């Protein structure tokens, strides 16, 4: 078992997920770009192209989607999302998880 798993074993599930968000700076940068407003892929690449490669952005999007922090307007059954797909941060989930993490840290 990894040291972080041992340290976080008693944390609520969403606190563990929130910690996972911050384990990779790429996830934080992508989420930060999406918080002000939904963006399509081209807009996101333009916003982050100076600091991140496209594969890194795609990887962060896959992770953020799996963690529940972003959503998009593409149909659920598509394998490859169209370039016009709008990606949006889930402020409700982020706020909830941040609150739980703060509560956990403060005891």
PDB file of N, CA and C in Angstrom:
ATOM      1  N   UNK A   1       0.844  -1.178   0.000  1.00  0.00           N
ATOM      2  CA  UNK A   1       0.000   0.000   0.000  1.00  0.00           C
ATOM      3  C   UNK A   1       0.892   1.246   0.000  1.00  0.00           C
ATOM      4  N   UNK A   2       0.569   2.194  -0.857  1.00  0.00           N
ATOM      5  CA  UNK A   2       1.346   3.428  -0.967  1.00  0.00           C
ATOM      6  C   UNK A   2       1.175   4.274   0.296  1.00  0.00           C
ATOM      7  N   UNK A   3       2.200   5.055   0.597  1.00  0.00           N
ATOM      8  CA  UNK A   3       2.177   5.899   1.801  1.00  0.00           C
ATOM      9  C   UNK A   3       0.962   6.831   1.814  1.00  0.00           C
ATOM     10  N   UNK A   4       0.645   7.433   0.661  1.00  0.00           N
ATOM     11  CA  UNK A   4      -0.508   8.346   0.615  1.00  0.00           C
ATOM     12  C   UNK A   4      -1.810   7.613   0.911  1.00  0.00           C
ATOM     13  N   UNK A   5      -1.921   6.352   0.482  1.00  0.00           N
ATOM     14  CA  UNK A   5      -3.121   5.568   0.775  1.00  0.00           C
ATOM     15  C   UNK A   5      -3.246   5.303   2.264  1.00  0.00           C
ATOM     16  N   UNK A   6      -2.122   5.049   2.912  1.00  0.00           N
ATOM     17  CA  UNK A   6      -2.130   4.814   4.359  1.00  0.00           C
ATOM     18  C   UNK A   6      -2.539   6.090   5.092  1.00  0.00           C
ATOM     19  N   UNK A   7      -1.975   7.225   4.669  1.00  0.00           N
ATOM     20  CA  UNK A   7      -2.278   8.492   5.331  1.00  0.00           C
ATOM     21  C   UNK A   7      -3.729   8.918   5.142  1.00  0.00           C
ATOM     22  N   UNK A   8      -4.304   8.566   3.994  1.00  0.00           N
ATOM     23  CA  UNK A   8      -5.667   9.004   3.667  1.00  0.00           C
ATOM     24  C   UNK A   8      -6.719   7.907   3.908  1.00  0.00           C
ATOM     25  N   UNK A   9      -6.364   6.817   4.575  1.00  0.00           N
ATOM     26  CA  UNK A   9      -7.276   5.675   4.680  1.00  0.00           C
ATOM     27  C   UNK A   9      -8.586   6.020   5.381  1.00  0.00           C
ATOM     28  N   UNK A  10      -8.587   6.969   6.300  1.00  0.00           N
ATOM     29  CA  UNK A  10      -9.803   7.326   7.024  1.00  0.00           C
ATOM     30  C   UNK A  10     -10.537   8.528   6.421  1.00  0.00           C
ATOM     31  N   UNK A  11     -10.007   9.068   5.350  1.00  0.00           N
ATOM     32  CA  UNK A  11     -10.637  10.237   4.719  1.00  0.00           C
ATOM     33  C   UNK A  11     -11.892   9.815   3.967  1.00  0.00           C
ATOM     34  N   UNK A  12     -12.905  10.688   3.918  1.00  0.00           N
ATOM     35  CA  UNK A  12     -14.090  10.402   3.106  1.00  0.00           C
ATOM     36  C   UNK A  12     -13.706  10.229   1.630  1.00  0.00           C
ATOM     37  N   UNK A  13     -14.500   9.484   0.911  1.00  0.00           N
ATOM     38  CA  UNK A  13     -14.202   9.151  -0.489  1.00  0.00           C
ATOM     39  C   UNK A  13     -13.961  10.390  -1.351  1.00  0.00           C
ATOM     40  N   UNK A  14     -14.806  11.389  -1.239  1.00  0.00           N
ATOM     41  CA  UNK A  14     -14.652  12.570  -2.090  1.00  0.00           C
ATOM     42  C   UNK A  14     -13.440  13.407  -1.689  1.00  0.00           C
ATOM     43  N   UNK A  15     -12.985  13.302  -0.444  1.00  0.00           N
ATOM     44  CA  UNK A  15     -11.754  13.975  -0.032  1.00  0.00           C
ATOM     45  C   UNK A  15     -10.573  13.323  -0.746  1.00  0.00           C
ATOM     46  N   UNK A  16     -10.606  12.012  -0.857  1.00  0.00           N
ATOM     47  CA  UNK A  16      -9.558  11.294  -1.577  1.00  0.00           C
ATOM     48  C   UNK A  16      -9.551  11.692  -3.056  1.00  0.00           C
ATOM     49  N   UNK A  17     -10.727  11.862  -3.621  1.00  0.00           N
ATOM     50  CA  UNK A  17     -10.824  12.282  -5.018  1.00  0.00           C
ATOM     51  C   UNK A  17     -10.275  13.698  -5.178  1.00  0.00           C
ATOM     52  N   UNK A  18     -10.633  14.584  -4.261  1.00  0.00           N
ATOM     53  CA  UNK A  18     -10.148  15.963  -4.314  1.00  0.00           C
ATOM     54  C   UNK A  18      -8.629  16.003  -4.209  1.00  0.00           C
ATOM     55  N   UNK A  19      -8.060  15.167  -3.359  1.00  0.00           N
ATOM     56  CA  UNK A  19      -6.609  15.078  -3.236  1.00  0.00           C
ATOM     57  C   UNK A  19      -5.997  14.605  -4.543  1.00  0.00           C
ATOM     58  N   UNK A  20      -6.676  13.699  -5.232  1.00  0.00           N
ATOM     59  CA  UNK A  20      -6.197  13.193  -6.519  1.00  0.00           C
ATOM     60  C   UNK A  20      -6.145  14.312  -7.560  1.00  0.00           C
ATOM     61  N   UNK A  21      -7.104  15.225  -7.506  1.00  0.00           N
ATOM     62  CA  UNK A  21      -7.106  16.383  -8.402  1.00  0.00           C
ATOM     63  C   UNK A  21      -5.789  17.143  -8.293  1.00  0.00           C
ATOM     64  N   UNK A  22      -5.356  17.401  -7.067  1.00  0.00           N
ATOM     65  CA  UNK A  22      -4.155  18.201  -6.849  1.00  0.00           C
ATOM     66  C   UNK A  22      -2.857  17.411  -6.961  1.00  0.00           C
ATOM     67  N   UNK A  23      -2.953  16.110  -7.174  1.00  0.00           N
ATOM     68  CA  UNK A  23      -1.758  15.289  -7.329  1.00  0.00           C
ATOM     69  C   UNK A  23      -1.074  15.529  -8.673  1.00  0.00           C
ATOM     70  N   UNK A  24      -1.778  16.121  -9.618  1.00  0.00           N
ATOM     71  CA  UNK A  24      -1.214  16.394 -10.938  1.00  0.00           C
ATOM     72  C   UNK A  24      -1.475  17.849 -11.314  1.00  0.00           C
ATOM     73  N   UNK A  25      -0.438  18.665 -11.425  1.00  0.00           N
ATOM     74  CA  UNK A  25      -0.619  20.073 -11.785  1.00  0.00           C
ATOM     75  C   UNK A  25      -1.380  20.267 -13.102  1.00  0.00           C
ATOM     76  N   UNK A  26      -1.234  19.340 -14.043  1.00  0.00           N
ATOM     77  CA  UNK A  26      -1.948  19.469 -15.321  1.00  0.00           C
ATOM     78  C   UNK A  26      -3.458  19.491 -15.102  1.00  0.00           C
ATOM     79  N   UNK A  27      -3.951  18.674 -14.186  1.00  0.00           N
ATOM     80  CA  UNK A  27      -5.397  18.659 -13.901  1.00  0.00           C
ATOM     81  C   UNK A  27      -5.847  20.008 -13.355  1.00  0.00           C
ATOM     82  N   UNK A  28      -5.054  20.567 -12.473  1.00  0.00           N
ATOM     83  CA  UNK A  28      -5.400  21.853 -11.872  1.00  0.00           C
ATOM     84  C   UNK A  28      -5.419  22.947 -12.936  1.00  0.00           C
ATOM     85  N   UNK A  29      -4.430  22.960 -13.828  1.00  0.00           N
ATOM     86  CA  UNK A  29      -4.374  23.981 -14.880  1.00  0.00           C
ATOM     87  C   UNK A  29      -5.570  23.888 -15.828  1.00  0.00           C
ATOM     88  N   UNK A  30      -5.928  22.666 -16.219  1.00  0.00           N
ATOM     89  CA  UNK A  30      -7.072  22.492 -17.119  1.00  0.00           C
ATOM     90  C   UNK A  30      -8.360  22.900 -16.412  1.00  0.00           C
ATOM     91  N   UNK A  31      -8.532  22.477 -15.186  1.00  0.00           N
ATOM     92  CA  UNK A  31      -9.743  22.838 -14.449  1.00  0.00           C
ATOM     93  C   UNK A  31      -9.823  24.349 -14.262  1.00  0.00           C
ATOM     94  N   UNK A  32      -8.694  24.968 -13.963  1.00  0.00           N
ATOM     95  CA  UNK A  32      -8.667  26.423 -13.791  1.00  0.00           C
ATOM     96  C   UNK A  32      -9.074  27.154 -15.073  1.00  0.00           C
ATOM     97  N   UNK A  33      -8.664  26.615 -16.216  1.00  0.00           N
ATOM     98  CA  UNK A  33      -9.040  27.229 -17.498  1.00  0.00           C
ATOM     99  C   UNK A  33     -10.532  27.089 -17.765  1.00  0.00           C
ATOM    100  N   UNK A  34     -11.136  26.016 -17.269  1.00  0.00           N
ATOM    101  CA  UNK A  34     -12.556  25.767 -17.534  1.00  0.00           C
ATOM    102  C   UNK A  34     -13.495  26.409 -16.509  1.00  0.00           C
ATOM    103  N   UNK A  35     -12.985  26.855 -15.395  1.00  0.00           N
ATOM    104  CA  UNK A  35     -13.861  27.421 -14.361  1.00  0.00           C
ATOM    105  C   UNK A  35     -14.576  28.711 -14.777  1.00  0.00           C
ATOM    106  N   UNK A  36     -13.927  29.645 -15.461  1.00  0.00           N
ATOM    107  CA  UNK A  36     -14.657  30.875 -15.809  1.00  0.00           C
ATOM    108  C   UNK A  36     -15.835  30.655 -16.760  1.00  0.00           C
ATOM    109  N   UNK A  37     -15.658  29.719 -17.734  1.00  0.00           N
ATOM    110  CA  UNK A  37     -16.741  29.475 -18.698  1.00  0.00           C
ATOM    111  C   UNK A  37     -16.425  28.195 -19.468  1.00  0.00           C
ATOM    112  N   UNK A  38     -17.445  27.561 -20.018  1.00  0.00           N
ATOM    113  CA  UNK A  38     -17.198  26.374 -20.850  1.00  0.00           C
ATOM    114  C   UNK A  38     -16.371  26.736 -22.089  1.00  0.00           C
ATOM    115  N   UNK A  39     -15.519  25.820 -22.494  1.00  0.00           N
ATOM    116  CA  UNK A  39     -14.676  26.010 -23.674  1.00  0.00           C
ATOM    117  C   UNK A  39     -14.750  24.775 -24.559  1.00  0.00           C
ATOM    118  N   UNK A  40     -14.590  24.981 -25.877  1.00  0.00           N
ATOM    119  CA  UNK A  40     -14.431  23.815 -26.746  1.00  0.00           C
ATOM    120  C   UNK A  40     -12.942  23.471 -26.787  1.00  0.00           C
ATOM    121  N   UNK A  41     -12.600  22.394 -27.483  1.00  0.00           N
ATOM    122  CA  UNK A  41     -11.207  21.952 -27.499  1.00  0.00           C
ATOM    123  C   UNK A  41     -10.256  23.023 -28.028  1.00  0.00           C
ATOM    124  N   UNK A  42     -10.608  23.678 -29.121  1.00  0.00           N
ATOM    125  CA  UNK A  42      -9.727  24.702 -29.700  1.00  0.00           C
ATOM    126  C   UNK A  42      -9.487  25.843 -28.719  1.00  0.00           C
ATOM    127  N   UNK A  43     -10.546  26.266 -28.043  1.00  0.00           N
ATOM    128  CA  UNK A  43     -10.410  27.346 -27.064  1.00  0.00           C
ATOM    129  C   UNK A  43      -9.536  26.915 -25.880  1.00  0.00           C
ATOM    130  N   UNK A  44      -9.705  25.681 -25.459  1.00  0.00           N
ATOM    131  CA  UNK A  44      -8.898  25.176 -24.349  1.00  0.00           C
ATOM    132  C   UNK A  44      -7.431  25.053 -24.748  1.00  0.00           C
ATOM    133  N   UNK A  45      -7.189  24.538 -25.957  1.00  0.00           N
ATOM    134  CA  UNK A  45      -5.811  24.434 -26.438  1.00  0.00           C
ATOM    135  C   UNK A  45      -5.179  25.822 -26.562  1.00  0.00           C
ATOM    136  N   UNK A  46      -5.939  26.785 -27.027  1.00  0.00           N
ATOM    137  CA  UNK A  46      -5.425  28.156 -27.152  1.00  0.00           C
ATOM    138  C   UNK A  46      -5.116  28.750 -25.774  1.00  0.00           C
ATOM    139  N   UNK A  47      -5.962  28.446 -24.803  1.00  0.00           N
ATOM    140  CA  UNK A  47      -5.765  28.992 -23.458  1.00  0.00           C
ATOM    141  C   UNK A  47      -4.548  28.391 -22.761  1.00  0.00           C
ATOM    142  N   UNK A  48      -4.229  27.142 -23.075  1.00  0.00           N
ATOM    143  CA  UNK A  48      -3.156  26.440 -22.362  1.00  0.00           C
ATOM    144  C   UNK A  48      -1.958  26.069 -23.229  1.00  0.00           C
ATOM    145  N   UNK A  49      -2.020  26.387 -24.511  1.00  0.00           N
ATOM    146  CA  UNK A  49      -0.989  25.961 -25.446  1.00  0.00           C
ATOM    147  C   UNK A  49       0.421  26.410 -25.128  1.00  0.00           C
ATOM    148  N   UNK A  50       0.554  27.488 -24.392  1.00  0.00           N
ATOM    149  CA  UNK A  50       1.897  27.972 -24.035  1.00  0.00           C
ATOM    150  C   UNK A  50       2.516  27.179 -22.879  1.00  0.00           C
ATOM    151  N   UNK A  51       1.686  26.489 -22.112  1.00  0.00           N
ATOM    152  CA  UNK A  51       2.198  25.797 -20.923  1.00  0.00           C
ATOM    153  C   UNK A  51       2.007  24.280 -20.952  1.00  0.00           C
ATOM    154  N   UNK A  52       1.152  23.789 -21.858  1.00  0.00           N
ATOM    155  CA  UNK A  52       0.865  22.355 -21.901  1.00  0.00           C
ATOM    156  C   UNK A  52       0.737  21.871 -23.337  1.00  0.00           C
ATOM    157  N   UNK A  53       1.129  20.634 -23.574  1.00  0.00           N
ATOM    158  CA  UNK A  53       0.950  20.032 -24.891  1.00  0.00           C
ATOM    159  C   UNK A  53      -0.481  19.518 -25.022  1.00  0.00           C
ATOM    160  N   UNK A  54      -0.913  19.292 -26.238  1.00  0.00           N
ATOM    161  CA  UNK A  54      -2.258  18.748 -26.465  1.00  0.00           C
ATOM    162  C   UNK A  54      -2.441  17.377 -25.815  1.00  0.00           C
ATOM    163  N   UNK A  55      -1.461  16.472 -25.934  1.00  0.00           N
ATOM    164  CA  UNK A  55      -1.636  15.183 -25.247  1.00  0.00           C
ATOM    165  C   UNK A  55      -1.776  15.335 -23.726  1.00  0.00           C
ATOM    166  N   UNK A  56      -1.039  16.280 -23.146  1.00  0.00           N
ATOM    167  CA  UNK A  56      -1.155  16.510 -21.700  1.00  0.00           C
ATOM    168  C   UNK A  56      -2.541  17.052 -21.351  1.00  0.00           C
ATOM    169  N   UNK A  57      -3.070  17.931 -22.186  1.00  0.00           N
ATOM    170  CA  UNK A  57      -4.418  18.464 -21.961  1.00  0.00           C
ATOM    171  C   UNK A  57      -5.440  17.348 -22.082  1.00  0.00           C
ATOM    172  N   UNK A  58      -5.321  16.532 -23.117  1.00  0.00           N
ATOM    173  CA  UNK A  58      -6.249  15.404 -23.281  1.00  0.00           C
ATOM    174  C   UNK A  58      -6.183  14.462 -22.086  1.00  0.00           C
ATOM    175  N   UNK A  59      -4.977  14.152 -21.622  1.00  0.00           N
ATOM    176  CA  UNK A  59      -4.830  13.274 -20.468  1.00  0.00           C
ATOM    177  C   UNK A  59      -5.494  13.846 -19.228  1.00  0.00           C
ATOM    178  N   UNK A  60      -5.312  15.145 -19.012  1.00  0.00           N
ATOM    179  CA  UNK A  60      -5.941  15.798 -17.864  1.00  0.00           C
ATOM    180  C   UNK A  60      -7.460  15.776 -17.994  1.00  0.00           C
ATOM    181  N   UNK A  61      -7.971  15.969 -19.206  1.00  0.00           N
ATOM    182  CA  UNK A  61      -9.423  15.919 -19.416  1.00  0.00           C
ATOM    183  C   UNK A  61      -9.989  14.541 -19.106  1.00  0.00           C
ATOM    184  N   UNK A  62      -9.287  13.497 -19.532  1.00  0.00           N
ATOM    185  CA  UNK A  62      -9.729  12.129 -19.228  1.00  0.00           C
ATOM    186  C   UNK A  62      -9.789  11.935 -17.718  1.00  0.00           C
ATOM    187  N   UNK A  63      -8.746  12.354 -17.027  1.00  0.00           N
ATOM    188  CA  UNK A  63      -8.704  12.213 -15.575  1.00  0.00           C
ATOM    189  C   UNK A  63      -9.802  13.030 -14.897  1.00  0.00           C
ATOM    190  N   UNK A  64      -9.969  14.284 -15.314  1.00  0.00           N
ATOM    191  CA  UNK A  64     -10.977  15.155 -14.698  1.00  0.00           C
ATOM    192  C   UNK A  64     -12.393  14.630 -14.917  1.00  0.00           C
ATOM    193  N   UNK A  65     -12.634  14.053 -16.082  1.00  0.00           N
ATOM    194  CA  UNK A  65     -13.940  13.457 -16.363  1.00  0.00           C
ATOM    195  C   UNK A  65     -14.162  12.261 -15.434  1.00  0.00           C
ATOM    196  N   UNK A  66     -13.146  11.421 -15.279  1.00  0.00           N
ATOM    197  CA  UNK A  66     -13.248  10.245 -14.410  1.00  0.00           C
ATOM    198  C   UNK A  66     -13.440  10.636 -12.941  1.00  0.00           C
ATOM    199  N   UNK A  67     -12.822  11.740 -12.534  1.00  0.00           N
ATOM    200  CA  UNK A  67     -12.957  12.222 -11.160  1.00  0.00           C
ATOM    201  C   UNK A  67     -14.290  12.935 -10.922  1.00  0.00           C
ATOM    202  N   UNK A  68     -14.991  13.269 -11.996  1.00  0.00           N
ATOM    203  CA  UNK A  68     -16.288  13.931 -11.884  1.00  0.00           C
ATOM    204  C   UNK A  68     -16.227  15.440 -11.839  1.00  0.00           C
ATOM    205  N   UNK A  69     -15.090  16.028 -12.214  1.00  0.00           N
ATOM    206  CA  UNK A  69     -14.936  17.476 -12.120  1.00  0.00           C
ATOM    207  C   UNK A  69     -15.257  18.239 -13.398  1.00  0.00           C
ATOM    208  N   UNK A  70     -15.434  17.553 -14.498  1.00  0.00           N
ATOM    209  CA  UNK A  70     -15.868  18.226 -15.727  1.00  0.00           C
ATOM    210  C   UNK A  70     -16.967  17.415 -16.386  1.00  0.00           C
ATOM    211  N   UNK A  71     -17.702  18.102 -17.235  1.00  0.00           N
ATOM    212  CA  UNK A  71     -18.724  17.457 -18.051  1.00  0.00           C
ATOM    213  C   UNK A  71     -18.684  18.113 -19.424  1.00  0.00           C
ATOM    214  N   UNK A  72     -19.352  17.498 -20.376  1.00  0.00           N
ATOM    215  CA  UNK A  72     -19.397  18.081 -21.712  1.00  0.00           C
ATOM    216  C   UNK A  72     -20.772  17.853 -22.308  1.00  0.00           C
ATOM    217  N   UNK A  73     -20.991  18.480 -23.460  1.00  0.00           N
ATOM    218  CA  UNK A  73     -22.309  18.386 -24.090  1.00  0.00           C
ATOM    219  C   UNK A  73     -22.373  17.335 -25.201  1.00  0.00           C
ATOM    220  N   UNK A  74     -21.381  16.461 -25.278  1.00  0.00           N
ATOM    221  CA  UNK A  74     -21.384  15.387 -26.283  1.00  0.00           C
ATOM    222  C   UNK A  74     -22.302  14.259 -25.811  1.00  0.00           C
ATOM    223  N   UNK A  75     -22.917  13.556 -26.737  1.00  0.00           N
ATOM    224  CA  UNK A  75     -23.738  12.408 -26.342  1.00  0.00           C
ATOM    225  C   UNK A  75     -22.886  11.373 -25.599  1.00  0.00           C
ATOM    226  N   UNK A  76     -23.480  10.677 -24.656  1.00  0.00           N
ATOM    227  CA  UNK A  76     -22.755   9.706 -23.836  1.00  0.00           C
ATOM    228  C   UNK A  76     -22.179   8.547 -24.635  1.00  0.00           C
ATOM    229  N   UNK A  77     -22.826   8.197 -25.733  1.00  0.00           N
ATOM    230  CA  UNK A  77     -22.418   6.998 -26.463  1.00  0.00           C
ATOM    231  C   UNK A  77     -21.329   7.235 -27.515  1.00  0.00           C
ATOM    232  N   UNK A  78     -20.810   8.467 -27.635  1.00  0.00           N
ATOM    233  CA  UNK A  78     -19.758   8.711 -28.620  1.00  0.00           C
ATOM    234  C   UNK A  78     -18.405   8.265 -28.071  1.00  0.00           C
ATOM    235  N   UNK A  79     -17.585   7.725 -28.953  1.00  0.00           N
ATOM    236  CA  UNK A  79     -16.253   7.293 -28.544  1.00  0.00           C
ATOM    237  C   UNK A  79     -15.285   8.471 -28.624  1.00  0.00           C
ATOM    238  N   UNK A  80     -15.365   9.196 -29.731  1.00  0.00           N
ATOM    239  CA  UNK A  80     -14.507  10.377 -29.909  1.00  0.00           C
ATOM    240  C   UNK A  80     -15.394  11.610 -29.967  1.00  0.00           C
ATOM    241  N   UNK A  81     -15.184  12.524 -29.041  1.00  0.00           N
ATOM    242  CA  UNK A  81     -16.022  13.718 -28.974  1.00  0.00           C
ATOM    243  C   UNK A  81     -15.664  14.692 -30.096  1.00  0.00           C
ATOM    244  N   UNK A  82     -16.669  15.333 -30.692  1.00  0.00           N
ATOM    245  CA  UNK A  82     -16.407  16.312 -31.760  1.00  0.00           C
ATOM    246  C   UNK A  82     -15.594  17.497 -31.238  1.00  0.00           C
ATOM    247  N   UNK A  83     -14.890  18.164 -32.116  1.00  0.00           N
ATOM    248  CA  UNK A  83     -14.057  19.305 -31.712  1.00  0.00           C
ATOM    249  C   UNK A  83     -14.892  20.467 -31.184  1.00  0.00           C
ATOM    250  N   UNK A  84     -16.168  20.499 -31.536  1.00  0.00           N
ATOM    251  CA  UNK A  84     -17.053  21.575 -31.079  1.00  0.00           C
ATOM    252  C   UNK A  84     -17.643  21.303 -29.694  1.00  0.00           C
ATOM    253  N   UNK A  85     -17.320  20.161 -29.121  1.00  0.00           N
ATOM    254  CA  UNK A  85     -17.831  19.802 -27.793  1.00  0.00           C
ATOM    255  C   UNK A  85     -17.448  20.873 -26.781  1.00  0.00           C
ATOM    256  N   UNK A  86     -18.426  21.314 -26.006  1.00  0.00           N
ATOM    257  CA  UNK A  86     -18.167  22.289 -24.943  1.00  0.00           C
ATOM    258  C   UNK A  86     -17.859  21.534 -23.649  1.00  0.00           C
ATOM    259  N   UNK A  87     -16.738  21.870 -23.060  1.00  0.00           N
ATOM    260  CA  UNK A  87     -16.282  21.280 -21.807  1.00  0.00           C
ATOM    261  C   UNK A  87     -16.532  22.281 -20.689  1.00  0.00           C
ATOM    262  N   UNK A  88     -17.075  21.814 -19.577  1.00  0.00           N
ATOM    263  CA  UNK A  88     -17.398  22.712 -18.469  1.00  0.00           C
ATOM    264  C   UNK A  88     -16.974  22.108 -17.138  1.00  0.00           C
ATOM    265  N   UNK A  89     -16.496  22.968 -16.245  1.00  0.00           N
ATOM    266  CA  UNK A  89     -16.157  22.544 -14.892  1.00  0.00           C
ATOM    267  C   UNK A  89     -17.438  22.343 -14.094  1.00  0.00           C
ATOM    268  N   UNK A  90     -17.456  21.345 -13.229  1.00  0.00           N
ATOM    269  CA  UNK A  90     -18.594  21.076 -12.346  1.00  0.00           C
ATOM    270  C   UNK A  90     -18.381  21.813 -11.031  1.00  0.00           C
ATOM    271  N   UNK A  91     -18.772  23.079 -11.011  1.00  0.00           N
ATOM    272  CA  UNK A  91     -18.584  23.904  -9.816  1.00  0.00           C
ATOM    273  C   UNK A  91     -19.243  23.296  -8.585  1.00  0.00           C
ATOM    274  N   UNK A  92     -20.403  22.675  -8.772  1.00  0.00           N
ATOM    275  CA  UNK A  92     -21.089  22.067  -7.633  1.00  0.00           C
ATOM    276  C   UNK A  92     -20.242  20.979  -6.998  1.00  0.00           C
ATOM    277  N   UNK A  93     -19.662  20.123  -7.812  1.00  0.00           N
ATOM    278  CA  UNK A  93     -18.833  19.019  -7.308  1.00  0.00           C
ATOM    279  C   UNK A  93     -17.541  19.548  -6.694  1.00  0.00           C
ATOM    280  N   UNK A  94     -16.931  20.532  -7.348  1.00  0.00           N
ATOM    281  CA  UNK A  94     -15.685  21.107  -6.842  1.00  0.00           C
ATOM    282  C   UNK A  94     -15.913  21.753  -5.479  1.00  0.00           C
ATOM    283  N   UNK A  95     -16.979  22.528  -5.374  1.00  0.00           N
ATOM    284  CA  UNK A  95     -17.300  23.210  -4.116  1.00  0.00           C
ATOM    285  C   UNK A  95     -17.589  22.204  -3.006  1.00  0.00           C
ATOM    286  N   UNK A  96     -18.362  21.189  -3.313  1.00  0.00           N
ATOM    287  CA  UNK A  96     -18.690  20.155  -2.330  1.00  0.00           C
ATOM    288  C   UNK A  96     -17.421  19.468  -1.832  1.00  0.00           C
ATOM    289  N   UNK A  97     -16.583  19.040  -2.765  1.00  0.00           N
ATOM    290  CA  UNK A  97     -15.383  18.301  -2.392  1.00  0.00           C
ATOM    291  C   UNK A  97     -14.388  19.182  -1.651  1.00  0.00           C
ATOM    292  N   UNK A  98     -14.280  20.442  -2.063  1.00  0.00           N
ATOM    293  CA  UNK A  98     -13.405  21.366  -1.361  1.00  0.00           C
ATOM    294  C   UNK A  98     -13.873  21.546   0.079  1.00  0.00           C
ATOM    295  N   UNK A  99     -15.171  21.691   0.262  1.00  0.00           N
ATOM    296  CA  UNK A  99     -15.734  21.825   1.603  1.00  0.00           C
ATOM    297  C   UNK A  99     -15.445  20.606   2.473  1.00  0.00           C
ATOM    298  N   UNK A 100     -15.618  19.414   1.889  1.00  0.00           N
ATOM    299  CA  UNK A 100     -15.327  18.189   2.637  1.00  0.00           C
ATOM    300  C   UNK A 100     -13.838  18.090   2.972  1.00  0.00           C
ATOM    301  N   UNK A 101     -12.980  18.462   2.017  1.00  0.00           N
ATOM    302  CA  UNK A 101     -11.545  18.417   2.266  1.00  0.00           C
ATOM    303  C   UNK A 101     -11.148  19.384   3.368  1.00  0.00           C
ATOM    304  N   UNK A 102     -11.714  20.579   3.339  1.00  0.00           N
ATOM    305  CA  UNK A 102     -11.419  21.563   4.382  1.00  0.00           C
ATOM    306  C   UNK A 102     -11.888  21.060   5.737  1.00  0.00           C
ATOM    307  N   UNK A 103     -13.079  20.512   5.781  1.00  0.00           N
ATOM    308  CA  UNK A 103     -13.614  19.959   7.030  1.00  0.00           C
ATOM    309  C   UNK A 103     -12.713  18.831   7.552  1.00  0.00           C
ATOM    310  N   UNK A 104     -12.257  17.990   6.659  1.00  0.00           N
ATOM    311  CA  UNK A 104     -11.383  16.883   7.043  1.00  0.00           C
ATOM    312  C   UNK A 104     -10.053  17.395   7.579  1.00  0.00           C
ATOM    313  N   UNK A 105      -9.468  18.379   6.922  1.00  0.00           N
ATOM    314  CA  UNK A 105      -8.175  18.915   7.340  1.00  0.00           C
ATOM    315  C   UNK A 105      -8.294  19.629   8.699  1.00  0.00           C
ATOM    316  N   UNK A 106      -9.366  20.390   8.865  1.00  0.00           N
ATOM    317  CA  UNK A 106      -9.540  21.146  10.120  1.00  0.00           C
ATOM    318  C   UNK A 106      -9.974  20.270  11.286  1.00  0.00           C
ATOM    319  N   UNK A 107     -10.444  19.059  10.943  1.00  0.00           N
ATOM    320  CA  UNK A 107     -10.839  18.120  12.005  1.00  0.00           C
ATOM    321  C   UNK A 107     -12.174  18.460  12.531  1.00  0.00           C
TER     322      UNK A 107
END
